[in-house]
Amino acid sequence: MRLLLLLGTASLLTACTLPLRGTAPQSAPRPEQRCNAQAAQWAIGKTATENNVHQARGQAGAYMVRVIHQGDPALPFNPERLNLEVDATGRIVAATCG
């Protein structure tokens, strides 16, 4: 009797943990946001403050932004990323996509 109770409980718990097929909602893929570095050229010469970096990303239409200091490692090309290169004083010296 005890064995039947244990088997019944185990099978019930197993059934509760199995994923249901076709019930998980599929999210729509987000649209690609291509970077336009020309729109962020106004930032060259300005300090890379949080506000300036955020505005440059938005105006460039980029999905993400990276502030690059001298010596930072290169990353794979990403057409949705705005790269802001800064000098030792924190001033933006270049705005490119990738």
N, C-alpha and C. Protein backbone atom coordinates (compact mmCIF):
# COMPACT_ATOMS: atom_id res chain seq x y z
N MET A 1 0.82 -1.19 0.00
CA MET A 1 0.00 0.00 0.00
C MET A 1 0.87 1.26 0.00
N ARG A 2 1.87 1.23 0.84
CA ARG A 2 2.79 2.37 0.93
C ARG A 2 3.51 2.58 -0.41
N LEU A 3 3.88 1.48 -1.07
CA LEU A 3 4.56 1.54 -2.36
C LEU A 3 3.66 2.17 -3.41
N LEU A 4 2.40 1.81 -3.41
CA LEU A 4 1.46 2.39 -4.37
C LEU A 4 1.30 3.90 -4.14
N LEU A 5 1.26 4.29 -2.90
CA LEU A 5 1.15 5.71 -2.57
C LEU A 5 2.38 6.47 -3.04
N LEU A 6 3.57 5.90 -2.83
CA LEU A 6 4.81 6.53 -3.28
C LEU A 6 4.86 6.63 -4.81
N LEU A 7 4.48 5.56 -5.49
CA LEU A 7 4.48 5.57 -6.96
C LEU A 7 3.48 6.59 -7.50
N GLY A 8 2.35 6.66 -6.90
CA GLY A 8 1.34 7.63 -7.33
C GLY A 8 1.81 9.06 -7.14
N THR A 9 2.43 9.33 -6.00
CA THR A 9 2.96 10.67 -5.73
C THR A 9 4.09 11.01 -6.69
N ALA A 10 4.98 10.06 -6.94
CA ALA A 10 6.11 10.29 -7.84
C ALA A 10 5.62 10.59 -9.26
N SER A 11 4.64 9.83 -9.73
CA SER A 11 4.15 10.07 -11.09
C SER A 11 3.42 11.40 -11.19
N LEU A 12 2.73 11.78 -10.13
CA LEU A 12 2.05 13.07 -10.12
C LEU A 12 3.05 14.22 -10.16
N LEU A 13 4.12 14.11 -9.38
CA LEU A 13 5.16 15.15 -9.38
C LEU A 13 5.87 15.22 -10.72
N THR A 14 6.11 14.08 -11.34
CA THR A 14 6.75 14.06 -12.65
C THR A 14 5.86 14.74 -13.68
N ALA A 15 4.59 14.49 -13.64
CA ALA A 15 3.66 15.10 -14.59
C ALA A 15 3.61 16.61 -14.41
N CYS A 16 3.78 17.07 -13.20
CA CYS A 16 3.74 18.52 -12.94
C CYS A 16 4.99 19.23 -13.45
N THR A 17 6.08 18.51 -13.65
CA THR A 17 7.31 19.15 -14.09
C THR A 17 7.54 19.04 -15.58
N LEU A 18 6.74 18.27 -16.28
CA LEU A 18 6.93 18.14 -17.73
C LEU A 18 6.47 19.42 -18.43
N PRO A 19 7.24 19.89 -19.41
CA PRO A 19 6.82 21.08 -20.14
C PRO A 19 5.64 20.77 -21.05
N LEU A 20 4.74 21.71 -21.16
CA LEU A 20 3.60 21.55 -22.05
C LEU A 20 3.99 22.03 -23.44
N ARG A 21 3.61 21.26 -24.43
CA ARG A 21 3.99 21.61 -25.79
C ARG A 21 3.07 22.68 -26.36
N GLY A 22 3.67 23.64 -27.04
CA GLY A 22 2.89 24.64 -27.76
C GLY A 22 2.21 25.68 -26.90
N THR A 23 2.49 25.73 -25.62
CA THR A 23 1.80 26.70 -24.78
C THR A 23 2.64 27.93 -24.48
N ALA A 24 3.95 27.85 -24.69
CA ALA A 24 4.81 29.01 -24.41
C ALA A 24 4.63 30.05 -25.50
N PRO A 25 4.32 31.29 -25.12
CA PRO A 25 4.14 32.32 -26.14
C PRO A 25 5.47 32.65 -26.81
N GLN A 26 5.43 32.79 -28.10
CA GLN A 26 6.63 33.15 -28.86
C GLN A 26 6.68 34.66 -28.99
N SER A 27 7.79 35.24 -28.59
CA SER A 27 7.92 36.69 -28.72
C SER A 27 8.39 37.01 -30.14
N ALA A 28 7.90 38.10 -30.65
CA ALA A 28 8.29 38.53 -31.99
C ALA A 28 9.74 39.01 -31.96
N PRO A 29 10.51 38.71 -32.99
CA PRO A 29 11.89 39.21 -33.00
C PRO A 29 11.89 40.73 -33.07
N ARG A 30 12.84 41.33 -32.36
CA ARG A 30 12.88 42.79 -32.37
C ARG A 30 13.45 43.24 -33.71
N PRO A 31 12.97 44.35 -34.22
CA PRO A 31 13.49 44.83 -35.51
C PRO A 31 14.95 45.27 -35.37
N GLU A 32 15.72 45.02 -36.41
CA GLU A 32 17.13 45.41 -36.39
C GLU A 32 17.24 46.93 -36.43
N GLN A 33 18.14 47.47 -35.63
CA GLN A 33 18.38 48.91 -35.60
C GLN A 33 19.76 49.17 -36.16
N ARG A 34 19.83 49.63 -37.39
CA ARG A 34 21.11 49.92 -38.02
C ARG A 34 21.68 51.22 -37.47
N CYS A 35 22.97 51.21 -37.25
CA CYS A 35 23.67 52.39 -36.74
C CYS A 35 23.98 53.35 -37.89
N ASN A 36 23.83 54.64 -37.63
CA ASN A 36 24.19 55.69 -38.57
C ASN A 36 25.16 56.62 -37.85
N ALA A 37 26.45 56.36 -38.01
CA ALA A 37 27.48 57.12 -37.28
C ALA A 37 27.48 58.59 -37.65
N GLN A 38 27.06 58.92 -38.85
CA GLN A 38 27.05 60.32 -39.28
C GLN A 38 26.19 61.17 -38.35
N ALA A 39 25.11 60.59 -37.84
CA ALA A 39 24.20 61.33 -36.96
C ALA A 39 24.80 61.58 -35.58
N ALA A 40 25.90 60.91 -35.25
CA ALA A 40 26.52 61.08 -33.93
C ALA A 40 27.82 61.89 -34.00
N GLN A 41 28.15 62.44 -35.14
CA GLN A 41 29.40 63.19 -35.28
C GLN A 41 29.43 64.44 -34.41
N TRP A 42 28.28 64.96 -34.05
CA TRP A 42 28.22 66.15 -33.18
C TRP A 42 28.91 65.91 -31.83
N ALA A 43 29.01 64.63 -31.43
CA ALA A 43 29.57 64.31 -30.11
C ALA A 43 31.10 64.39 -30.07
N ILE A 44 31.74 64.43 -31.23
CA ILE A 44 33.21 64.50 -31.26
C ILE A 44 33.66 65.80 -30.61
N GLY A 45 34.60 65.67 -29.69
CA GLY A 45 35.11 66.82 -28.95
C GLY A 45 34.42 67.02 -27.61
N LYS A 46 33.29 66.37 -27.42
CA LYS A 46 32.57 66.48 -26.15
C LYS A 46 33.04 65.38 -25.19
N THR A 47 32.82 65.62 -23.91
CA THR A 47 33.15 64.61 -22.90
C THR A 47 32.15 63.47 -22.97
N ALA A 48 32.61 62.26 -22.78
CA ALA A 48 31.76 61.08 -22.86
C ALA A 48 30.96 60.90 -21.57
N THR A 49 30.10 61.87 -21.28
CA THR A 49 29.21 61.76 -20.12
C THR A 49 28.11 60.76 -20.44
N GLU A 50 27.43 60.29 -19.42
CA GLU A 50 26.33 59.36 -19.63
C GLU A 50 25.28 59.98 -20.56
N ASN A 51 24.99 61.26 -20.36
CA ASN A 51 24.00 61.94 -21.17
C ASN A 51 24.44 62.04 -22.63
N ASN A 52 25.69 62.45 -22.89
CA ASN A 52 26.17 62.57 -24.27
C ASN A 52 26.21 61.22 -24.97
N VAL A 53 26.63 60.20 -24.26
CA VAL A 53 26.69 58.85 -24.84
C VAL A 53 25.29 58.37 -25.19
N HIS A 54 24.34 58.58 -24.28
CA HIS A 54 22.95 58.16 -24.50
C HIS A 54 22.35 58.90 -25.70
N GLN A 55 22.57 60.21 -25.77
CA GLN A 55 22.03 60.99 -26.89
C GLN A 55 22.66 60.57 -28.21
N ALA A 56 23.95 60.33 -28.22
CA ALA A 56 24.63 59.92 -29.45
C ALA A 56 24.07 58.58 -29.94
N ARG A 57 23.87 57.64 -29.02
CA ARG A 57 23.30 56.35 -29.40
C ARG A 57 21.92 56.51 -30.00
N GLY A 58 21.10 57.32 -29.36
CA GLY A 58 19.74 57.53 -29.84
C GLY A 58 19.71 58.20 -31.21
N GLN A 59 20.51 59.22 -31.39
CA GLN A 59 20.51 59.93 -32.67
C GLN A 59 21.10 59.08 -33.79
N ALA A 60 22.03 58.19 -33.44
CA ALA A 60 22.60 57.30 -34.45
C ALA A 60 21.65 56.15 -34.79
N GLY A 61 20.61 55.98 -33.99
CA GLY A 61 19.67 54.89 -34.23
C GLY A 61 20.24 53.53 -33.88
N ALA A 62 21.27 53.51 -33.06
CA ALA A 62 21.94 52.26 -32.70
C ALA A 62 21.21 51.56 -31.56
N TYR A 63 21.27 50.25 -31.55
CA TYR A 63 20.66 49.46 -30.48
C TYR A 63 21.52 49.51 -29.22
N MET A 64 22.84 49.62 -29.40
CA MET A 64 23.75 49.67 -28.26
C MET A 64 24.90 50.61 -28.57
N VAL A 65 25.62 50.99 -27.52
CA VAL A 65 26.76 51.89 -27.67
C VAL A 65 27.92 51.33 -26.85
N ARG A 66 29.13 51.55 -27.36
CA ARG A 66 30.33 51.13 -26.64
C ARG A 66 31.29 52.30 -26.59
N VAL A 67 31.74 52.64 -25.40
CA VAL A 67 32.76 53.68 -25.24
C VAL A 67 34.10 52.95 -25.21
N ILE A 68 34.96 53.29 -26.17
CA ILE A 68 36.22 52.58 -26.34
C ILE A 68 37.38 53.46 -25.90
N HIS A 69 38.16 52.94 -24.96
CA HIS A 69 39.38 53.61 -24.50
C HIS A 69 40.57 52.98 -25.21
N GLN A 70 41.65 53.71 -25.31
CA GLN A 70 42.85 53.19 -25.95
C GLN A 70 43.27 51.90 -25.24
N GLY A 71 43.53 50.87 -26.02
CA GLY A 71 43.94 49.59 -25.47
C GLY A 71 42.81 48.61 -25.23
N ASP A 72 41.55 49.05 -25.37
CA ASP A 72 40.43 48.12 -25.21
C ASP A 72 40.47 47.08 -26.33
N PRO A 73 40.09 45.85 -26.03
CA PRO A 73 40.11 44.82 -27.07
C PRO A 73 39.05 45.07 -28.14
N ALA A 74 39.33 44.61 -29.33
CA ALA A 74 38.37 44.72 -30.43
C ALA A 74 37.26 43.69 -30.23
N LEU A 75 36.08 44.04 -30.68
CA LEU A 75 34.94 43.12 -30.64
C LEU A 75 34.52 42.82 -32.08
N PRO A 76 33.80 41.73 -32.29
CA PRO A 76 33.30 41.44 -33.64
C PRO A 76 32.40 42.57 -34.13
N PHE A 77 32.37 42.77 -35.44
CA PHE A 77 31.55 43.83 -36.04
C PHE A 77 30.08 43.60 -35.71
N ASN A 78 29.40 44.67 -35.34
CA ASN A 78 27.97 44.62 -35.05
C ASN A 78 27.35 45.87 -35.67
N PRO A 79 26.55 45.73 -36.73
CA PRO A 79 25.98 46.89 -37.41
C PRO A 79 24.99 47.68 -36.55
N GLU A 80 24.60 47.15 -35.40
CA GLU A 80 23.66 47.83 -34.51
C GLU A 80 24.37 48.59 -33.39
N ARG A 81 25.71 48.58 -33.38
CA ARG A 81 26.44 49.20 -32.27
C ARG A 81 27.13 50.48 -32.72
N LEU A 82 26.99 51.54 -31.90
CA LEU A 82 27.74 52.78 -32.08
C LEU A 82 28.97 52.69 -31.20
N ASN A 83 30.14 52.92 -31.79
CA ASN A 83 31.40 52.94 -31.05
C ASN A 83 31.84 54.38 -30.88
N LEU A 84 32.05 54.78 -29.64
CA LEU A 84 32.57 56.12 -29.35
C LEU A 84 33.97 55.95 -28.78
N GLU A 85 34.97 56.35 -29.55
CA GLU A 85 36.35 56.27 -29.09
C GLU A 85 36.67 57.52 -28.29
N VAL A 86 37.31 57.34 -27.14
CA VAL A 86 37.65 58.47 -26.28
C VAL A 86 39.15 58.51 -26.04
N ASP A 87 39.65 59.72 -25.76
CA ASP A 87 41.07 59.87 -25.44
C ASP A 87 41.27 59.71 -23.93
N ALA A 88 42.48 59.95 -23.48
CA ALA A 88 42.82 59.76 -22.06
C ALA A 88 42.05 60.70 -21.14
N THR A 89 41.57 61.84 -21.67
CA THR A 89 40.82 62.79 -20.85
C THR A 89 39.32 62.52 -20.86
N GLY A 90 38.87 61.52 -21.64
CA GLY A 90 37.45 61.21 -21.70
C GLY A 90 36.70 61.94 -22.79
N ARG A 91 37.41 62.62 -23.67
CA ARG A 91 36.76 63.32 -24.79
C ARG A 91 36.57 62.34 -25.95
N ILE A 92 35.43 62.46 -26.60
CA ILE A 92 35.12 61.61 -27.74
C ILE A 92 35.94 62.09 -28.94
N VAL A 93 36.69 61.16 -29.54
CA VAL A 93 37.54 61.53 -30.68
C VAL A 93 37.06 60.89 -31.98
N ALA A 94 36.16 59.92 -31.90
CA ALA A 94 35.61 59.29 -33.11
C ALA A 94 34.28 58.63 -32.79
N ALA A 95 33.40 58.62 -33.78
CA ALA A 95 32.11 57.95 -33.67
C ALA A 95 31.95 57.09 -34.91
N THR A 96 31.94 55.78 -34.72
CA THR A 96 31.82 54.84 -35.84
C THR A 96 30.80 53.77 -35.49
N CYS A 97 30.38 53.04 -36.48
CA CYS A 97 29.48 51.92 -36.25
C CYS A 97 30.27 50.63 -36.32
N GLY A 98 29.79 49.64 -35.67
CA GLY A 98 30.43 48.33 -35.75
C GLY A 98 30.59 47.71 -34.44
